[in-house]
Amino acid sequence: MAKMKRMLPTPTPETQHFWDGARDGELLLQRCDDCSDAYFPPRPFCPKCGSRKVSVFKASGKGFLLSYVINTRPQPISETPYAIAVVELEEGPRMMTNIVECEQTPEALPLDMKLEVTFEQQNDDITLPLFKPAGA
């Protein structure tokens, strides 16, 4: 698949740790110190109980394909179809991402397929966590 032209995020003080981790090849999540809920996207409080006692931890980078759609929109985003997916991480949170390193067809993207994170550097500041079939 040709490298996509992506809209890139603007890190904020609340999300900077996530983008720093991605740049270093680590998928960082947060966990509430009070109720133990792991969550994504990053924020300074627990979405389950509201506690501000949260910790950052390195996730396994493993998960499975929960849902997806294959986008066939032509330029300027991509010359080829690509999967926009929801991945459920081993730790519980769900992430919207892209599936890479496999055909972008329903046959190649079965639901519940095991996935693992891979990182794609976009510029000096932003590296995106994407997912590929486990063991690919």
N, C-alpha and C. Protein backbone atom coordinates (compact mmCIF):
# COMPACT_ATOMS: atom_id res chain seq x y z
N MET A 1 0.84 -1.17 0.00
CA MET A 1 0.00 0.00 0.00
C MET A 1 0.89 1.23 0.00
N ALA A 2 0.57 2.19 -0.87
CA ALA A 2 1.31 3.43 -0.91
C ALA A 2 1.11 4.20 0.39
N LYS A 3 2.12 4.94 0.80
CA LYS A 3 2.00 5.71 2.04
C LYS A 3 0.90 6.75 1.89
N MET A 4 -0.01 6.75 2.84
CA MET A 4 -1.15 7.65 2.79
C MET A 4 -0.75 9.06 3.22
N LYS A 5 -1.45 10.03 2.64
CA LYS A 5 -1.31 11.41 3.11
C LYS A 5 -2.32 11.57 4.23
N ARG A 6 -1.85 11.73 5.43
CA ARG A 6 -2.72 11.73 6.60
C ARG A 6 -2.84 13.11 7.23
N MET A 7 -4.02 13.37 7.77
CA MET A 7 -4.18 14.53 8.64
C MET A 7 -3.52 14.14 9.96
N LEU A 8 -2.66 14.98 10.46
CA LEU A 8 -1.92 14.64 11.67
C LEU A 8 -2.48 15.35 12.89
N PRO A 9 -2.40 14.69 14.04
CA PRO A 9 -2.89 15.29 15.28
C PRO A 9 -1.96 16.40 15.76
N THR A 10 -2.50 17.24 16.59
CA THR A 10 -1.71 18.25 17.29
C THR A 10 -1.67 17.84 18.75
N PRO A 11 -0.52 17.42 19.25
CA PRO A 11 -0.44 17.01 20.66
C PRO A 11 -0.83 18.17 21.59
N THR A 12 -1.43 17.80 22.69
CA THR A 12 -1.79 18.75 23.75
C THR A 12 -1.03 18.32 25.01
N PRO A 13 -1.02 19.14 26.05
CA PRO A 13 -0.35 18.70 27.28
C PRO A 13 -0.90 17.37 27.80
N GLU A 14 -2.19 17.11 27.60
CA GLU A 14 -2.79 15.87 28.08
C GLU A 14 -2.42 14.66 27.23
N THR A 15 -2.05 14.87 25.96
CA THR A 15 -1.76 13.75 25.05
C THR A 15 -0.28 13.62 24.70
N GLN A 16 0.53 14.57 25.11
CA GLN A 16 1.94 14.58 24.71
C GLN A 16 2.65 13.28 25.07
N HIS A 17 2.37 12.71 26.25
CA HIS A 17 3.02 11.46 26.66
C HIS A 17 2.72 10.34 25.66
N PHE A 18 1.50 10.30 25.13
CA PHE A 18 1.12 9.27 24.16
C PHE A 18 1.96 9.41 22.89
N TRP A 19 2.08 10.63 22.37
CA TRP A 19 2.83 10.86 21.13
C TRP A 19 4.33 10.67 21.34
N ASP A 20 4.85 11.03 22.51
CA ASP A 20 6.26 10.77 22.82
C ASP A 20 6.51 9.26 22.85
N GLY A 21 5.60 8.50 23.44
CA GLY A 21 5.73 7.05 23.47
C GLY A 21 5.70 6.45 22.08
N ALA A 22 4.76 6.90 21.25
CA ALA A 22 4.67 6.38 19.88
C ALA A 22 5.96 6.67 19.12
N ARG A 23 6.50 7.87 19.28
CA ARG A 23 7.76 8.21 18.63
C ARG A 23 8.88 7.26 19.05
N ASP A 24 8.81 6.78 20.32
CA ASP A 24 9.81 5.86 20.84
C ASP A 24 9.44 4.40 20.62
N GLY A 25 8.36 4.13 19.88
CA GLY A 25 7.96 2.76 19.59
C GLY A 25 7.22 2.08 20.72
N GLU A 26 6.53 2.86 21.56
CA GLU A 26 5.77 2.30 22.67
C GLU A 26 4.32 2.77 22.60
N LEU A 27 3.39 1.85 22.79
CA LEU A 27 1.98 2.19 22.86
C LEU A 27 1.65 2.43 24.33
N LEU A 28 1.40 3.69 24.68
CA LEU A 28 1.16 4.04 26.07
C LEU A 28 -0.33 4.28 26.31
N LEU A 29 -0.84 3.65 27.36
CA LEU A 29 -2.21 3.83 27.79
C LEU A 29 -2.21 4.42 29.19
N GLN A 30 -3.39 4.72 29.69
CA GLN A 30 -3.52 5.20 31.05
C GLN A 30 -4.42 4.24 31.83
N ARG A 31 -4.18 4.18 33.14
CA ARG A 31 -4.99 3.35 34.04
C ARG A 31 -5.33 4.17 35.27
N CYS A 32 -6.56 4.04 35.70
CA CYS A 32 -7.00 4.72 36.92
C CYS A 32 -6.41 4.01 38.13
N ASP A 33 -5.81 4.79 39.03
CA ASP A 33 -5.24 4.22 40.25
C ASP A 33 -6.32 3.86 41.27
N ASP A 34 -7.53 4.41 41.09
CA ASP A 34 -8.62 4.12 42.04
C ASP A 34 -9.46 2.92 41.61
N CYS A 35 -9.91 2.88 40.34
CA CYS A 35 -10.80 1.78 39.92
C CYS A 35 -10.11 0.76 39.00
N SER A 36 -8.86 1.00 38.63
CA SER A 36 -8.04 0.10 37.79
C SER A 36 -8.49 0.01 36.34
N ASP A 37 -9.38 0.89 35.88
CA ASP A 37 -9.83 0.87 34.49
C ASP A 37 -8.74 1.42 33.58
N ALA A 38 -8.40 0.67 32.53
CA ALA A 38 -7.46 1.15 31.51
C ALA A 38 -8.28 1.84 30.43
N TYR A 39 -7.77 2.95 29.90
CA TYR A 39 -8.57 3.69 28.93
C TYR A 39 -7.73 4.37 27.84
N PHE A 40 -8.42 4.71 26.77
CA PHE A 40 -7.91 5.45 25.62
C PHE A 40 -9.11 6.18 25.03
N PRO A 41 -8.96 7.38 24.55
CA PRO A 41 -7.76 8.20 24.38
C PRO A 41 -7.30 8.82 25.69
N PRO A 42 -6.07 9.36 25.67
CA PRO A 42 -5.49 9.96 26.88
C PRO A 42 -6.32 11.15 27.36
N ARG A 43 -6.43 11.25 28.67
CA ARG A 43 -7.08 12.39 29.32
C ARG A 43 -6.63 12.40 30.78
N PRO A 44 -6.78 13.54 31.45
CA PRO A 44 -6.24 13.66 32.81
C PRO A 44 -7.12 13.07 33.90
N PHE A 45 -8.23 12.43 33.53
CA PHE A 45 -9.13 11.85 34.53
C PHE A 45 -9.70 10.53 34.00
N CYS A 46 -10.12 9.68 34.88
CA CYS A 46 -10.70 8.39 34.52
C CYS A 46 -12.11 8.58 33.96
N PRO A 47 -12.39 8.07 32.77
CA PRO A 47 -13.73 8.22 32.22
C PRO A 47 -14.78 7.35 32.93
N LYS A 48 -14.32 6.37 33.70
CA LYS A 48 -15.26 5.48 34.40
C LYS A 48 -15.70 6.06 35.75
N CYS A 49 -14.72 6.51 36.55
CA CYS A 49 -15.08 6.98 37.90
C CYS A 49 -14.78 8.46 38.13
N GLY A 50 -14.10 9.11 37.21
CA GLY A 50 -13.82 10.54 37.34
C GLY A 50 -12.58 10.88 38.15
N SER A 51 -11.88 9.88 38.66
CA SER A 51 -10.69 10.13 39.47
C SER A 51 -9.59 10.79 38.63
N ARG A 52 -8.83 11.65 39.26
CA ARG A 52 -7.67 12.26 38.59
C ARG A 52 -6.38 11.53 38.95
N LYS A 53 -6.50 10.44 39.71
CA LYS A 53 -5.34 9.63 40.06
C LYS A 53 -5.16 8.59 38.96
N VAL A 54 -4.36 8.95 37.95
CA VAL A 54 -4.14 8.06 36.81
C VAL A 54 -2.65 7.86 36.57
N SER A 55 -2.32 6.71 36.01
CA SER A 55 -0.93 6.38 35.71
C SER A 55 -0.82 6.00 34.23
N VAL A 56 0.35 6.24 33.68
CA VAL A 56 0.65 5.85 32.30
C VAL A 56 1.40 4.53 32.35
N PHE A 57 1.06 3.60 31.43
CA PHE A 57 1.76 2.33 31.36
C PHE A 57 1.93 1.90 29.91
N LYS A 58 2.93 1.07 29.69
CA LYS A 58 3.20 0.55 28.36
C LYS A 58 2.27 -0.64 28.09
N ALA A 59 1.47 -0.53 27.03
CA ALA A 59 0.56 -1.61 26.64
C ALA A 59 1.32 -2.69 25.89
N SER A 60 0.71 -3.85 25.80
CA SER A 60 1.33 -4.98 25.10
C SER A 60 1.44 -4.75 23.61
N GLY A 61 0.56 -3.91 23.07
CA GLY A 61 0.53 -3.69 21.63
C GLY A 61 -0.22 -4.78 20.88
N LYS A 62 -0.89 -5.65 21.62
CA LYS A 62 -1.65 -6.74 21.01
C LYS A 62 -3.14 -6.47 21.15
N GLY A 63 -3.88 -6.98 20.17
CA GLY A 63 -5.32 -6.82 20.20
C GLY A 63 -5.96 -7.64 19.10
N PHE A 64 -7.23 -7.33 18.82
CA PHE A 64 -7.91 -8.03 17.74
C PHE A 64 -8.82 -7.06 16.99
N LEU A 65 -9.12 -7.42 15.77
CA LEU A 65 -9.94 -6.60 14.89
C LEU A 65 -11.39 -6.71 15.31
N LEU A 66 -11.94 -5.61 15.79
CA LEU A 66 -13.32 -5.60 16.26
C LEU A 66 -14.28 -5.21 15.14
N SER A 67 -13.90 -4.22 14.33
CA SER A 67 -14.75 -3.73 13.25
C SER A 67 -13.89 -2.94 12.27
N TYR A 68 -14.38 -2.79 11.05
CA TYR A 68 -13.64 -1.99 10.08
C TYR A 68 -14.54 -1.63 8.90
N VAL A 69 -14.06 -0.69 8.12
CA VAL A 69 -14.65 -0.35 6.83
C VAL A 69 -13.48 -0.15 5.88
N ILE A 70 -13.64 -0.56 4.65
CA ILE A 70 -12.59 -0.34 3.66
C ILE A 70 -12.94 0.92 2.89
N ASN A 71 -12.11 1.93 3.03
CA ASN A 71 -12.33 3.21 2.37
C ASN A 71 -11.73 3.14 0.97
N THR A 72 -12.52 3.46 -0.02
CA THR A 72 -12.04 3.44 -1.40
C THR A 72 -11.99 4.84 -1.99
N ARG A 73 -12.08 5.85 -1.12
CA ARG A 73 -12.04 7.24 -1.58
C ARG A 73 -10.71 7.50 -2.27
N PRO A 74 -10.75 8.06 -3.48
CA PRO A 74 -9.49 8.33 -4.19
C PRO A 74 -8.76 9.56 -3.62
N GLN A 75 -7.66 9.93 -4.25
CA GLN A 75 -6.87 11.08 -3.86
C GLN A 75 -7.75 12.19 -3.32
N PRO A 76 -7.31 13.04 -2.41
CA PRO A 76 -5.93 13.23 -1.99
C PRO A 76 -5.49 12.34 -0.82
N ILE A 77 -6.36 11.53 -0.26
CA ILE A 77 -5.99 10.76 0.92
C ILE A 77 -5.13 9.55 0.56
N SER A 78 -5.56 8.75 -0.39
CA SER A 78 -4.82 7.54 -0.76
C SER A 78 -5.19 7.12 -2.17
N GLU A 79 -4.23 6.55 -2.84
CA GLU A 79 -4.47 6.05 -4.19
C GLU A 79 -5.10 4.66 -4.17
N THR A 80 -5.04 3.99 -3.04
CA THR A 80 -5.53 2.62 -2.95
C THR A 80 -6.50 2.49 -1.77
N PRO A 81 -7.34 1.48 -1.78
CA PRO A 81 -8.23 1.26 -0.64
C PRO A 81 -7.43 1.03 0.65
N TYR A 82 -8.02 1.42 1.78
CA TYR A 82 -7.38 1.19 3.06
C TYR A 82 -8.45 0.95 4.12
N ALA A 83 -8.08 0.16 5.13
CA ALA A 83 -9.01 -0.19 6.19
C ALA A 83 -8.93 0.82 7.33
N ILE A 84 -10.10 1.33 7.69
CA ILE A 84 -10.25 2.14 8.90
C ILE A 84 -10.86 1.19 9.91
N ALA A 85 -10.16 0.96 11.00
CA ALA A 85 -10.55 -0.13 11.89
C ALA A 85 -10.68 0.30 13.34
N VAL A 86 -11.46 -0.49 14.07
CA VAL A 86 -11.52 -0.40 15.53
C VAL A 86 -10.84 -1.66 16.04
N VAL A 87 -9.79 -1.45 16.83
CA VAL A 87 -9.03 -2.56 17.41
C VAL A 87 -9.29 -2.56 18.91
N GLU A 88 -9.64 -3.74 19.43
CA GLU A 88 -9.76 -3.87 20.87
C GLU A 88 -8.44 -4.37 21.41
N LEU A 89 -7.83 -3.59 22.27
CA LEU A 89 -6.52 -3.92 22.82
C LEU A 89 -6.64 -5.00 23.90
N GLU A 90 -5.58 -5.75 24.08
CA GLU A 90 -5.53 -6.79 25.10
C GLU A 90 -5.89 -6.25 26.49
N GLU A 91 -5.55 -4.99 26.72
CA GLU A 91 -5.81 -4.36 28.02
C GLU A 91 -7.25 -3.87 28.16
N GLY A 92 -8.04 -3.90 27.07
CA GLY A 92 -9.44 -3.53 27.14
C GLY A 92 -9.87 -2.33 26.31
N PRO A 93 -9.10 -1.23 26.27
CA PRO A 93 -9.54 -0.09 25.49
C PRO A 93 -9.61 -0.40 23.99
N ARG A 94 -10.37 0.41 23.29
CA ARG A 94 -10.50 0.31 21.84
C ARG A 94 -9.87 1.53 21.20
N MET A 95 -9.24 1.31 20.04
CA MET A 95 -8.60 2.39 19.29
C MET A 95 -9.08 2.37 17.85
N MET A 96 -9.29 3.55 17.29
CA MET A 96 -9.52 3.65 15.85
C MET A 96 -8.15 3.81 15.20
N THR A 97 -7.91 3.07 14.13
CA THR A 97 -6.59 3.03 13.53
C THR A 97 -6.71 2.53 12.09
N ASN A 98 -5.60 2.23 11.48
CA ASN A 98 -5.57 1.59 10.17
C ASN A 98 -4.88 0.25 10.29
N ILE A 99 -5.29 -0.70 9.44
CA ILE A 99 -4.64 -2.00 9.36
C ILE A 99 -3.68 -1.94 8.18
N VAL A 100 -2.46 -2.36 8.39
CA VAL A 100 -1.43 -2.29 7.36
C VAL A 100 -0.77 -3.66 7.20
N GLU A 101 0.06 -3.78 6.18
CA GLU A 101 0.85 -4.98 5.90
C GLU A 101 -0.01 -6.20 5.58
N CYS A 102 -1.17 -5.95 4.97
CA CYS A 102 -1.99 -7.05 4.45
C CYS A 102 -2.91 -6.47 3.37
N GLU A 103 -3.49 -7.36 2.58
CA GLU A 103 -4.45 -6.93 1.57
C GLU A 103 -5.60 -6.20 2.25
N GLN A 104 -6.13 -5.23 1.59
CA GLN A 104 -7.23 -4.45 2.14
C GLN A 104 -8.54 -4.95 1.53
N THR A 105 -8.85 -6.20 1.86
CA THR A 105 -10.07 -6.86 1.36
C THR A 105 -10.78 -7.54 2.52
N PRO A 106 -12.07 -7.77 2.40
CA PRO A 106 -12.78 -8.49 3.47
C PRO A 106 -12.21 -9.88 3.73
N GLU A 107 -11.72 -10.54 2.71
CA GLU A 107 -11.15 -11.88 2.87
C GLU A 107 -9.88 -11.85 3.72
N ALA A 108 -9.12 -10.77 3.62
CA ALA A 108 -7.86 -10.67 4.36
C ALA A 108 -8.04 -10.04 5.74
N LEU A 109 -9.25 -9.56 6.03
CA LEU A 109 -9.50 -8.85 7.28
C LEU A 109 -10.66 -9.48 8.05
N PRO A 110 -10.51 -10.73 8.47
CA PRO A 110 -11.61 -11.35 9.22
C PRO A 110 -11.74 -10.72 10.61
N LEU A 111 -12.97 -10.56 11.05
CA LEU A 111 -13.19 -10.05 12.41
C LEU A 111 -12.54 -10.99 13.41
N ASP A 112 -12.10 -10.46 14.50
CA ASP A 112 -11.38 -11.18 15.57
C ASP A 112 -9.95 -11.56 15.19
N MET A 113 -9.47 -11.12 14.02
CA MET A 113 -8.08 -11.39 13.63
C MET A 113 -7.15 -10.79 14.68
N LYS A 114 -6.15 -11.56 15.09
CA LYS A 114 -5.16 -11.07 16.04
C LYS A 114 -4.26 -10.05 15.36
N LEU A 115 -4.00 -8.97 16.07
CA LEU A 115 -3.22 -7.86 15.53
C LEU A 115 -2.13 -7.46 16.51
N GLU A 116 -1.12 -6.75 15.98
CA GLU A 116 -0.09 -6.17 16.83
C GLU A 116 0.27 -4.79 16.29
N VAL A 117 0.69 -3.94 17.19
CA VAL A 117 0.98 -2.56 16.82
C VAL A 117 2.27 -2.48 16.01
N THR A 118 2.29 -1.52 15.11
CA THR A 118 3.50 -1.14 14.39
C THR A 118 3.45 0.39 14.31
N PHE A 119 4.57 1.01 14.12
CA PHE A 119 4.60 2.47 14.17
C PHE A 119 5.09 3.04 12.85
N GLU A 120 4.46 4.12 12.40
CA GLU A 120 4.82 4.76 11.14
C GLU A 120 5.13 6.23 11.41
N GLN A 121 6.39 6.58 11.24
CA GLN A 121 6.80 7.97 11.47
C GLN A 121 6.25 8.85 10.37
N GLN A 122 5.62 9.95 10.77
CA GLN A 122 5.04 10.90 9.81
C GLN A 122 5.93 12.12 9.63
N ASN A 123 6.51 12.59 10.73
CA ASN A 123 7.45 13.71 10.72
C ASN A 123 8.28 13.62 12.00
N ASP A 124 9.03 14.65 12.32
CA ASP A 124 9.89 14.60 13.51
C ASP A 124 9.10 14.51 14.81
N ASP A 125 7.85 14.97 14.80
CA ASP A 125 7.07 15.02 16.03
C ASP A 125 6.02 13.93 16.16
N ILE A 126 5.50 13.44 15.04
CA ILE A 126 4.37 12.51 15.08
C ILE A 126 4.72 11.17 14.45
N THR A 127 4.52 10.13 15.23
CA THR A 127 4.61 8.74 14.78
C THR A 127 3.26 8.12 15.13
N LEU A 128 2.63 7.48 14.15
CA LEU A 128 1.30 6.92 14.36
C LEU A 128 1.36 5.44 14.71
N PRO A 129 0.58 5.02 15.70
CA PRO A 129 0.44 3.58 15.95
C PRO A 129 -0.59 3.00 14.98
N LEU A 130 -0.17 2.04 14.19
CA LEU A 130 -1.05 1.34 13.26
C LEU A 130 -1.01 -0.13 13.67
N PHE A 131 -1.86 -0.95 13.07
CA PHE A 131 -1.88 -2.35 13.44
C PHE A 131 -1.73 -3.24 12.21
N LYS A 132 -1.05 -4.37 12.41
CA LYS A 132 -0.82 -5.36 11.36
C LYS A 132 -1.21 -6.71 11.90
N PRO A 133 -1.46 -7.68 10.99
CA PRO A 133 -1.74 -9.04 11.47
C PRO A 133 -0.60 -9.54 12.35
N ALA A 134 -0.95 -10.17 13.46
CA ALA A 134 0.07 -10.70 14.39
C ALA A 134 0.96 -11.69 13.66
N GLY A 135 2.26 -11.54 13.86
CA GLY A 135 3.23 -12.43 13.24
C GLY A 135 3.58 -12.08 11.80
N ALA A 136 2.99 -10.99 11.27
CA ALA A 136 3.29 -10.59 9.88
C ALA A 136 4.65 -9.94 9.77
